[in-house]
Amino acid sequence: MDETAGRSVVPLLDLRAEYAPLREQVLASRVLSLTVYPEMTEEQRDHVIASAREAITAKEGARV
């Protein structure tokens, strides 16, 4: 984990296994960086993941 402004940042590659397909999409699309903090609730993490999916979908739609 990296320390950023006194907070622990979970690298994208450390996300749980069920987020692996999203991780690959994020890395491939270079649409955004995805930061998840260990103190986040599951609901907050889900919101970050949903936002990432929306951004990826929007970017992929713009390419078509």
Protein backbone atom coordinates (compact mmCIF):
# COMPACT_ATOMS: atom_id res chain seq x y z
CA MET A 1 0.00 0.00 0.00
CA ASP A 2 1.10 3.54 -0.73
CA GLU A 3 0.74 6.30 1.79
CA THR A 4 -0.92 9.36 0.26
CA ALA A 5 -1.65 12.37 2.46
CA GLY A 6 -1.57 10.17 5.53
CA ARG A 7 -4.08 7.70 4.12
CA SER A 8 -3.54 4.14 3.01
CA VAL A 9 -4.36 3.66 -0.65
CA VAL A 10 -5.24 0.21 -1.92
CA PRO A 11 -3.68 -0.19 -5.35
CA LEU A 12 -6.06 -1.20 -8.11
CA LEU A 13 -4.32 -4.54 -8.40
CA ASP A 14 -5.23 -5.34 -4.78
CA LEU A 15 -8.96 -5.17 -5.35
CA ARG A 16 -10.88 -8.32 -4.58
CA ALA A 17 -11.01 -11.05 -7.19
CA GLU A 18 -14.59 -10.25 -8.26
CA TYR A 19 -13.37 -6.87 -9.49
CA ALA A 20 -10.72 -8.45 -11.74
CA PRO A 21 -12.67 -7.89 -15.00
CA LEU A 22 -13.21 -4.24 -14.07
CA ARG A 23 -9.55 -3.89 -13.14
CA GLU A 24 -8.56 -5.15 -16.58
CA GLN A 25 -11.01 -2.75 -18.25
CA VAL A 26 -9.70 0.20 -16.27
CA LEU A 27 -6.11 -0.66 -17.05
CA ALA A 28 -6.90 -1.20 -20.73
CA SER A 29 -9.05 1.91 -21.15
CA ARG A 30 -6.83 4.29 -19.18
CA VAL A 31 -10.07 6.15 -18.56
CA LEU A 32 -9.37 6.87 -14.90
CA SER A 33 -7.46 5.91 -11.86
CA LEU A 34 -9.37 3.99 -9.26
CA THR A 35 -8.63 4.58 -5.59
CA VAL A 36 -10.21 2.55 -2.84
CA TYR A 37 -9.35 3.26 0.77
CA PRO A 38 -9.29 0.46 3.36
CA GLU A 39 -11.61 2.42 5.66
CA MET A 40 -14.32 2.63 2.99
CA THR A 41 -17.52 0.78 3.62
CA GLU A 42 -18.65 -1.87 1.17
CA GLU A 43 -21.29 0.59 -0.06
CA GLN A 44 -18.65 3.25 -0.75
CA ARG A 45 -16.46 0.74 -2.59
CA ASP A 46 -19.44 -0.37 -4.66
CA HIS A 47 -20.12 3.27 -5.57
CA VAL A 48 -16.51 3.76 -6.72
CA ILE A 49 -16.72 0.56 -8.78
CA ALA A 50 -20.07 1.58 -10.31
CA SER A 51 -18.67 5.00 -11.22
CA ALA A 52 -15.68 3.35 -12.88
CA ARG A 53 -17.96 1.07 -14.88
CA GLU A 54 -20.03 4.06 -16.04
CA ALA A 55 -16.91 5.96 -17.11
CA ILE A 56 -15.61 2.95 -19.02
CA THR A 57 -18.97 2.41 -20.72
CA ALA A 58 -19.17 6.08 -21.69
CA LYS A 59 -15.65 6.04 -23.10
CA GLU A 60 -16.24 2.80 -25.02
CA GLY A 61 -19.50 4.23 -26.39
CA ALA A 62 -17.66 7.32 -27.61
CA ARG A 63 -15.23 5.12 -29.55
CA VAL A 64 -17.96 3.36 -31.52
